[in-house]
């Protein structure tokens, strides 16, 4: 068939050398916790009991809130639940999609989500917000507390309540939180849970406007605003905060970087504070100027963009070390000729390396094939991690898929046969 020339694979090393590569792969899998699961039932683990008690407590408080609102504002509550479920599903997929390396088990991601949605919101943040704002009102006056309270209070109690969830998850399954990238991913899921439940609360709070006569209209307006602003909100803050938290405390495969960790924690809290104090900050800077509405609109657009740019940099900082574990994981496959050196470099490389690999041979119609091959290599790495390097049926299938997709082209066979694509 037609195709770009592929250099011959390396000659398989001798038995002892291949055994060394296999042993190095097992060590890398153990170091990263790649493919490991989480044991939910740990009767002697106090952290698990604490996590469960606080999540259940938050669930009870949430049900009580919804039950009180359902009789009067059932349309708004139903709309909020459906809309934010779809919204959350999209972010869940995206966050899972970027977790290519030593992916966290679904159960562990769900535990992070539930902490953010139930414990961090209603058990910690809601009562703490009210208590601290009350203290600010007594110390500096009601006007100050109303204007500046959200920007002062929320970055402290909300970010640390979410960070406490990460610390409990580390105590529950320390083998699953080995690097700063693990903190980034779990922080994003904690933030996702927090954001969805907070947004539902905002929708319910908007339902009584106009005496509840236009619940759907008021709720939709709030939903659109919260959805747009959510791009640069809790998911982003928590991912940065929890990355910094892991760097500050250190992990077996993550050397402690106290300065960088504290810097990221402070950065997440600063972004949160500026986001919640946009109004008073602009009023302090511009007074009652006619430019104030335009400045508010500009800041609402710029802050999420700045936050996204920052979280992308933090992602690259956190994932850099994680990618290197792909090389020992795939080294035996390279030695056996299952994958090529170019495929390993792309899988273990950054976005630029992957883009270069996918672009190779694009003029001959192989761009799409390369993209599929690279996805198959990632799947093979994931299956190898789950099997701890063993030759399971799923690993054999993943290897076969790499070979099959590499043979595929976007053109017919030279012998005039049919297109090999299914």
Protein backbone atom coordinates (compact mmCIF):
# COMPACT_ATOMS: atom_id res chain seq x y z
CA UNK A 1 0.00 0.00 0.00
CA UNK A 2 1.07 3.60 -0.31
CA UNK A 3 2.46 5.29 2.73
CA UNK A 4 5.25 7.35 4.18
CA UNK A 5 8.47 5.46 4.68
CA UNK A 6 8.86 4.19 8.23
CA UNK A 7 12.40 3.55 9.41
CA UNK A 8 12.98 0.00 10.53
CA UNK A 9 12.42 -0.59 14.22
CA UNK A 10 15.38 -1.25 16.46
CA UNK A 11 16.68 -4.74 16.85
CA UNK A 12 15.29 -6.34 19.99
CA UNK A 13 17.95 -6.38 22.70
CA UNK A 14 19.13 -9.51 24.36
CA UNK A 15 17.09 -11.19 27.08
CA UNK A 16 18.77 -9.57 30.09
CA UNK A 17 18.53 -6.10 28.52
CA UNK A 18 14.85 -6.56 27.73
CA UNK A 19 14.26 -7.83 31.25
CA UNK A 20 15.89 -4.65 32.58
CA UNK A 21 13.53 -2.54 30.48
CA UNK A 22 10.54 -4.51 31.75
CA UNK A 23 11.69 -4.05 35.34
CA UNK A 24 12.19 -0.32 34.79
CA UNK A 25 8.66 -0.13 33.40
CA UNK A 26 7.20 -1.78 36.50
CA UNK A 27 9.12 0.66 38.71
CA UNK A 28 7.79 3.61 36.70
CA UNK A 29 4.22 2.29 37.00
CA UNK A 30 4.60 1.85 40.75
CA UNK A 31 6.17 5.30 41.11
CA UNK A 32 3.28 7.02 39.35
CA UNK A 33 0.43 4.83 40.53
CA UNK A 34 -0.50 4.42 36.86
CA UNK A 35 -3.52 2.14 36.57
CA UNK A 36 -3.89 1.73 40.33
CA UNK A 37 -7.35 1.79 41.86
CA UNK A 38 -8.68 3.25 45.08
CA UNK A 39 -9.87 1.04 47.92
CA UNK A 40 -13.07 2.68 49.07
CA UNK A 41 -13.58 0.54 52.18
CA UNK A 42 -10.78 1.27 54.66
CA UNK A 43 -12.32 0.89 58.13
CA UNK A 44 -9.09 1.89 59.88
CA UNK A 45 -8.46 5.00 57.80
CA UNK A 46 -9.72 8.01 59.76
CA UNK A 47 -9.36 10.26 56.68
CA UNK A 48 -11.89 8.15 54.78
CA UNK A 49 -14.39 8.32 57.65
CA UNK A 50 -13.89 12.08 57.89
CA UNK A 51 -14.37 12.51 54.13
CA UNK A 52 -17.53 10.40 54.19
CA UNK A 53 -19.01 12.14 57.24
CA UNK A 54 -18.47 15.63 55.83
CA UNK A 55 -19.79 14.71 52.37
CA UNK A 56 -22.91 13.11 53.88
CA UNK A 57 -23.40 16.15 56.13
CA UNK A 58 -23.14 18.41 53.08
CA UNK A 59 -25.60 16.21 51.19
CA UNK A 60 -28.14 16.51 54.01
CA UNK A 61 -27.80 20.29 54.04
CA UNK A 62 -28.16 20.40 50.26
CA UNK A 63 -31.29 18.23 50.26
CA UNK A 64 -32.81 20.41 52.96
CA UNK A 65 -32.16 23.49 50.85
CA UNK A 66 -33.65 21.94 47.72
CA UNK A 67 -36.64 20.55 49.60
CA UNK A 68 -37.44 23.99 50.98
CA UNK A 69 -37.31 25.50 47.48
CA UNK A 70 -38.95 22.71 45.49
CA UNK A 71 -42.51 23.55 46.56
CA UNK A 72 -42.31 27.13 45.28
CA UNK A 73 -39.56 27.13 42.69
CA UNK A 74 -39.69 23.65 41.17
CA UNK A 75 -39.36 24.97 37.57
CA UNK A 76 -36.21 26.93 38.40
CA UNK A 77 -34.72 24.01 40.36
CA UNK A 78 -35.47 21.54 37.55
CA UNK A 79 -33.93 23.85 34.96
CA UNK A 80 -30.83 24.36 37.10
CA UNK A 81 -30.31 20.66 37.71
CA UNK A 82 -30.62 19.71 34.03
CA UNK A 83 -28.65 22.65 32.63
CA UNK A 84 -25.75 22.40 35.02
CA UNK A 85 -25.66 18.61 34.73
CA UNK A 86 -25.00 19.03 31.00
CA UNK A 87 -22.56 21.85 31.69
CA UNK A 88 -20.74 19.73 34.25
CA UNK A 89 -20.62 16.74 31.90
CA UNK A 90 -18.75 18.81 29.31
CA UNK A 91 -16.17 19.99 31.82
CA UNK A 92 -15.89 16.47 33.28
CA UNK A 93 -15.09 15.14 29.79
CA UNK A 94 -12.56 17.89 29.12
CA UNK A 95 -10.79 17.47 32.46
CA UNK A 96 -10.67 13.71 31.96
CA UNK A 97 -9.42 14.21 28.39
CA UNK A 98 -6.35 16.15 29.49
CA UNK A 99 -5.55 13.50 32.13
CA UNK A 100 -3.55 11.33 29.71
CA UNK A 101 -0.79 10.35 32.10
CA UNK A 102 -1.42 7.98 35.01
CA UNK A 103 -5.11 8.82 34.75
CA UNK A 104 -6.99 8.98 38.02
CA UNK A 105 -9.64 6.25 38.57
CA UNK A 106 -13.24 7.29 38.03
CA UNK A 107 -14.04 6.54 41.67
CA UNK A 108 -11.29 8.87 42.87
CA UNK A 109 -12.38 11.66 40.52
CA UNK A 110 -15.94 11.21 41.79
CA UNK A 111 -14.73 11.46 45.39
CA UNK A 112 -13.00 14.75 44.53
CA UNK A 113 -16.14 16.02 42.79
CA UNK A 114 -18.38 15.12 45.74
CA UNK A 115 -16.08 16.87 48.19
CA UNK A 116 -16.21 20.07 46.18
CA UNK A 117 -19.96 19.84 45.58
CA UNK A 118 -21.12 18.96 49.10
CA UNK A 119 -18.50 19.31 51.84
CA UNK A 120 -16.53 22.33 50.65
CA UNK A 121 -19.68 24.28 49.81
CA UNK A 122 -22.24 23.76 52.57
CA UNK A 123 -20.20 22.37 55.46
CA UNK A 124 -17.30 24.85 55.27
CA UNK A 125 -17.64 27.76 52.88
CA UNK A 126 -21.26 28.83 53.37
CA UNK A 127 -21.13 29.14 57.19
CA UNK A 128 -17.58 30.54 57.11
CA UNK A 129 -18.54 33.22 54.58
CA UNK A 130 -21.42 34.38 56.75
CA UNK A 131 -19.39 34.34 59.96
CA UNK A 132 -16.39 36.26 58.59
CA UNK A 133 -18.56 38.82 56.78
CA UNK A 134 -20.36 39.39 60.08
CA UNK A 135 -17.03 40.06 61.76
CA UNK A 136 -16.05 42.46 58.97
CA UNK A 137 -19.35 44.31 59.39
CA UNK A 138 -18.76 44.72 63.12
CA UNK A 139 -15.18 45.85 62.62
CA UNK A 140 -15.48 48.07 59.52
CA UNK A 141 -19.17 48.65 58.94
CA UNK A 142 -21.93 47.03 56.94
CA UNK A 143 -21.12 48.86 53.70
CA UNK A 144 -17.50 47.67 53.75
CA UNK A 145 -18.57 44.09 54.49
CA UNK A 146 -21.08 44.09 51.62
CA UNK A 147 -18.67 45.58 49.09
CA UNK A 148 -15.34 44.04 50.03
CA UNK A 149 -16.45 40.98 51.99
CA UNK A 150 -16.72 38.56 49.02
CA UNK A 151 -13.26 39.49 47.73
CA UNK A 152 -11.69 39.09 51.17
CA UNK A 153 -13.54 36.08 52.54
CA UNK A 154 -14.08 33.72 49.58
CA UNK A 155 -10.42 33.35 48.54
CA UNK A 156 -9.56 32.22 52.05
CA UNK A 157 -12.30 29.87 53.19
CA UNK A 158 -13.40 28.55 49.79
CA UNK A 159 -9.94 27.75 48.44
CA UNK A 160 -8.75 26.20 51.70
CA UNK A 161 -11.95 24.19 52.09
CA UNK A 162 -11.32 22.72 48.64
CA UNK A 163 -7.64 22.20 49.45
CA UNK A 164 -8.62 20.28 52.59
CA UNK A 165 -10.41 17.83 50.31
CA UNK A 166 -7.17 17.18 48.42
CA UNK A 167 -5.31 16.55 51.68
CA UNK A 168 -7.96 14.00 52.69
CA UNK A 169 -7.71 12.31 49.29
CA UNK A 170 -3.94 12.05 49.74
CA UNK A 171 -4.49 10.39 53.10
CA UNK A 172 -7.09 8.03 51.61
CA UNK A 173 -5.02 6.93 48.58
CA UNK A 174 -1.45 8.29 48.78
CA UNK A 175 -0.37 6.05 45.89
CA UNK A 176 -2.70 7.99 43.57
CA UNK A 177 -1.40 11.48 44.35
CA UNK A 178 2.28 11.33 43.46
CA UNK A 179 2.95 14.50 41.45
CA UNK A 180 1.82 18.09 41.03
CA UNK A 181 -0.14 17.00 37.96
CA UNK A 182 -2.27 14.75 40.15
CA UNK A 183 -3.02 17.79 42.29
CA UNK A 184 -3.94 19.77 39.17
CA UNK A 185 -6.41 17.14 37.93
CA UNK A 186 -8.01 16.43 41.31
CA UNK A 187 -8.20 20.15 42.07
CA UNK A 188 -10.06 20.69 38.81
CA UNK A 189 -12.62 18.03 39.74
CA UNK A 190 -13.03 19.50 43.24
CA UNK A 191 -13.56 22.92 41.68
CA UNK A 192 -16.05 21.49 39.18
CA UNK A 193 -18.21 20.10 41.98
CA UNK A 194 -18.01 23.35 43.94
CA UNK A 195 -18.88 25.47 40.93
CA UNK A 196 -21.90 23.43 39.84
CA UNK A 197 -23.52 23.45 43.30
CA UNK A 198 -22.74 27.13 43.78
CA UNK A 199 -24.24 27.96 40.38
CA UNK A 200 -27.41 26.00 41.19
CA UNK A 201 -27.68 28.02 44.40
CA UNK A 202 -27.40 31.29 42.42
CA UNK A 203 -30.14 30.14 40.05
CA UNK A 204 -32.44 29.33 42.96
CA UNK A 205 -31.69 32.71 44.54
CA UNK A 206 -32.75 34.44 41.31
CA UNK A 207 -36.07 32.58 41.06
CA UNK A 208 -37.96 34.79 43.61
CA UNK A 209 -37.35 37.95 41.54
CA UNK A 210 -40.60 39.39 40.13
CA UNK A 211 -42.34 37.46 42.94
CA UNK A 212 -41.49 34.17 41.22
CA UNK A 213 -43.75 34.96 38.24
CA UNK A 214 -40.94 34.58 35.70
CA UNK A 215 -38.82 31.82 37.22
CA UNK A 216 -37.59 30.37 33.92
CA UNK A 217 -36.62 33.74 32.45
CA UNK A 218 -34.76 34.86 35.57
CA UNK A 219 -33.12 31.47 35.95
CA UNK A 220 -31.97 31.36 32.33
CA UNK A 221 -30.40 34.77 32.65
CA UNK A 222 -28.52 33.70 35.76
CA UNK A 223 -27.53 30.42 34.12
CA UNK A 224 -26.04 32.16 31.08
CA UNK A 225 -24.09 34.60 33.26
CA UNK A 226 -22.77 31.85 35.54
CA UNK A 227 -21.91 29.59 32.63
CA UNK A 228 -19.93 32.33 30.88
CA UNK A 229 -18.14 33.42 34.04
CA UNK A 230 -17.53 29.82 35.10
CA UNK A 231 -14.82 29.41 32.47
CA UNK A 232 -12.46 31.36 34.68
CA UNK A 233 -13.87 30.47 38.07
CA UNK A 234 -13.63 27.62 40.59
CA UNK A 235 -12.29 24.92 38.26
CA UNK A 236 -9.40 27.18 37.36
CA UNK A 237 -8.78 28.44 40.90
CA UNK A 238 -8.78 24.96 42.42
CA UNK A 239 -6.51 23.46 39.77
CA UNK A 240 -3.90 26.15 40.47
CA UNK A 241 -4.36 26.01 44.26
CA UNK A 242 -4.08 22.23 44.50
CA UNK A 243 -1.05 22.16 42.20
CA UNK A 244 0.62 24.60 44.57
CA UNK A 245 -0.48 22.58 47.59
CA UNK A 246 1.18 19.41 46.27
CA UNK A 247 4.36 21.32 45.42
CA UNK A 248 4.40 22.91 48.88
CA UNK A 249 4.06 19.64 50.81
CA UNK A 250 6.01 17.42 48.37
CA UNK A 251 5.23 13.87 47.32
CA UNK A 252 7.30 10.70 46.68
CA UNK A 253 7.71 11.54 42.99
CA UNK A 254 7.39 15.30 43.38
CA UNK A 255 10.30 17.09 45.08
CA UNK A 256 9.12 19.73 47.49
CA UNK A 257 9.20 23.23 45.96
CA UNK A 258 7.94 25.34 48.84
CA UNK A 259 8.40 28.73 47.19
CA UNK A 260 6.67 27.76 43.95
CA UNK A 261 3.90 26.00 45.86
CA UNK A 262 3.17 28.97 48.11
CA UNK A 263 3.31 31.24 45.07
CA UNK A 264 0.68 29.21 43.23
CA UNK A 265 -1.55 29.04 46.32
CA UNK A 266 -1.32 32.82 46.68
CA UNK A 267 -1.91 33.29 42.95
CA UNK A 268 -5.11 31.21 43.04
CA UNK A 269 -6.38 33.17 46.04
CA UNK A 270 -5.48 36.49 44.36
CA UNK A 271 -7.33 35.56 41.16
CA UNK A 272 -10.33 34.52 43.24
CA UNK A 273 -10.23 37.72 45.26
CA UNK A 274 -9.99 39.99 42.22
CA UNK A 275 -12.85 38.10 40.55
CA UNK A 276 -15.13 38.56 43.56
CA UNK A 277 -14.12 42.19 44.18
CA UNK A 278 -14.35 43.55 40.63
CA UNK A 279 -16.96 46.16 41.52
CA UNK A 280 -15.27 47.81 44.51
CA UNK A 281 -11.83 47.63 42.88
CA UNK A 282 -13.04 49.50 39.78
CA UNK A 283 -15.04 51.95 41.86
CA UNK A 284 -11.98 52.67 43.97
CA UNK A 285 -9.92 53.26 40.82
CA UNK A 286 -12.43 55.19 38.70
CA UNK A 287 -14.95 56.56 41.18
CA UNK A 288 -18.27 57.48 39.54
CA UNK A 289 -16.70 58.01 36.11
CA UNK A 290 -18.77 57.40 33.00
CA UNK A 291 -16.13 54.84 32.03
CA UNK A 292 -17.09 52.58 34.93
CA UNK A 293 -19.64 50.41 33.01
CA UNK A 294 -17.20 49.91 30.14
CA UNK A 295 -14.39 49.06 32.54
CA UNK A 296 -16.61 46.51 34.30
CA UNK A 297 -17.44 44.85 30.99
CA UNK A 298 -13.78 44.82 29.93
CA UNK A 299 -12.68 43.34 33.24
CA UNK A 300 -15.31 40.60 33.05
CA UNK A 301 -13.89 39.59 29.67
CA UNK A 302 -10.21 40.02 30.52
CA UNK A 303 -10.13 38.20 33.87
CA UNK A 304 -11.21 34.81 32.47
CA UNK A 305 -8.75 35.18 29.59
CA UNK A 306 -5.92 36.01 31.99
CA UNK A 307 -6.94 33.13 34.24
CA UNK A 308 -7.01 30.68 31.33
CA UNK A 309 -3.55 31.83 30.20
CA UNK A 310 -2.23 31.31 33.74
CA UNK A 311 -3.81 27.88 34.19
CA UNK A 312 -2.32 26.75 30.86
CA UNK A 313 1.13 27.71 32.14
CA UNK A 314 0.47 25.89 35.40
CA UNK A 315 -0.70 22.84 33.44
CA UNK A 316 2.56 22.76 31.46
CA UNK A 317 4.53 23.20 34.69
CA UNK A 318 2.72 20.30 36.36
CA UNK A 319 2.63 17.90 33.41
CA UNK A 320 6.27 18.26 32.37
CA UNK A 321 7.57 15.67 34.82
CA UNK A 322 4.56 13.42 34.35
CA UNK A 323 5.21 13.03 30.63
CA UNK A 324 8.66 11.60 31.23
CA UNK A 325 7.14 8.50 32.82
CA UNK A 326 5.80 7.58 29.38
CA UNK A 327 9.31 6.77 28.14
CA UNK A 328 10.11 3.92 30.55
CA UNK A 329 6.53 2.72 30.16
CA UNK A 330 6.90 2.36 26.39
CA UNK A 331 10.61 1.50 26.26
CA UNK A 332 10.02 -2.30 26.12
CA UNK A 333 7.43 -1.74 23.38
CA UNK A 334 9.97 0.27 21.42
CA UNK A 335 12.59 -2.43 21.86
CA UNK A 336 10.14 -5.06 20.62
CA UNK A 337 9.16 -2.97 17.60
CA UNK A 338 5.57 -2.41 18.73
CA UNK A 339 5.97 1.38 18.63
CA UNK A 340 8.44 3.63 16.86
CA UNK A 341 10.83 6.17 18.34
CA UNK A 342 8.81 8.97 16.73
CA UNK A 343 5.64 7.74 18.41
CA UNK A 344 7.33 7.55 21.81
CA UNK A 345 8.75 11.06 21.39
CA UNK A 346 5.30 12.38 20.51
CA UNK A 347 3.57 10.58 23.40
CA UNK A 348 6.19 11.74 25.91
CA UNK A 349 6.53 15.19 24.35
CA UNK A 350 4.69 18.44 24.70
CA UNK A 351 1.98 19.86 22.46
CA UNK A 352 4.56 21.02 19.94
CA UNK A 353 6.03 17.51 19.65
CA UNK A 354 2.60 15.96 19.17
CA UNK A 355 1.68 18.54 16.56
CA UNK A 356 4.90 17.86 14.68
CA UNK A 357 4.23 14.12 14.66
CA UNK A 358 0.65 14.54 13.48
CA UNK A 359 1.76 16.92 10.73
CA UNK A 360 4.38 14.48 9.37
CA UNK A 361 3.23 13.15 6.01
CA UNK A 362 0.11 15.35 5.98
CA UNK A 363 0.76 16.22 2.35
CA UNK A 364 0.47 12.51 1.51
CA UNK A 365 -2.82 12.23 3.36
CA UNK A 366 -1.44 10.72 6.57
CA UNK A 367 -2.26 13.48 9.04
CA UNK A 368 -5.44 11.80 10.23
CA UNK A 369 -3.75 8.41 10.41
CA UNK A 370 -0.95 9.80 12.57
CA UNK A 371 -3.48 11.32 14.93
CA UNK A 372 -5.25 7.98 15.32
CA UNK A 373 -1.95 6.14 15.81
CA UNK A 374 -0.92 8.55 18.56
CA UNK A 375 -4.25 8.06 20.35
CA UNK A 376 -3.72 4.29 20.10
CA UNK A 377 -0.24 4.66 21.61
CA UNK A 378 -1.77 6.57 24.54
CA UNK A 379 -4.35 3.81 24.92
CA UNK A 380 -1.57 1.20 24.89
CA UNK A 381 0.32 3.09 27.60
CA UNK A 382 -2.84 3.27 29.69
CA UNK A 383 -3.51 -0.45 29.32
CA UNK A 384 0.10 -1.28 30.20
CA UNK A 385 -0.21 0.85 33.31
CA UNK A 386 -3.45 -0.84 34.33
CA UNK A 387 -1.90 -4.28 33.77
CA UNK A 388 1.35 -3.26 35.52
CA UNK A 389 3.25 -4.26 32.38
CA UNK A 390 1.69 -7.73 32.10
CA UNK A 391 0.66 -9.24 28.76
CA UNK A 392 -3.10 -9.20 29.27
CA UNK A 393 -5.74 -9.60 26.58
CA UNK A 394 -6.42 -5.85 26.67
CA UNK A 395 -2.72 -5.09 26.23
CA UNK A 396 -2.53 -7.47 23.25
CA UNK A 397 -5.56 -5.77 21.72
CA UNK A 398 -4.03 -2.30 22.26
CA UNK A 399 -0.81 -3.43 20.57
CA UNK A 400 -2.79 -4.82 17.65
CA UNK A 401 -4.66 -1.53 17.32
CA UNK A 402 -1.41 0.43 17.07
CA UNK A 403 -0.23 -1.87 14.28
CA UNK A 404 -3.59 -1.80 12.49
CA UNK A 405 -3.90 1.97 12.58
CA UNK A 406 -0.31 2.42 11.46
CA UNK A 407 -1.09 0.33 8.37
CA UNK A 408 -4.15 2.40 7.56
CA UNK A 409 -3.93 5.14 4.96
CA UNK A 410 -6.39 7.61 3.66
CA UNK A 411 -5.88 6.19 0.15
CA UNK A 412 -6.86 2.87 -1.49
CA UNK A 413 -4.42 -0.03 -1.69
CA UNK A 414 -1.97 -0.04 -4.57
CA UNK A 415 -3.56 -3.27 -5.83
CA UNK A 416 -6.87 -1.52 -6.32
CA UNK A 417 -8.42 -3.17 -3.27
CA UNK A 418 -11.01 -1.48 -1.12
CA UNK A 419 -10.27 1.16 1.45
CA UNK A 420 -9.15 -0.73 4.60
CA UNK A 421 -11.13 1.57 6.90
CA UNK A 422 -14.19 -0.05 8.46
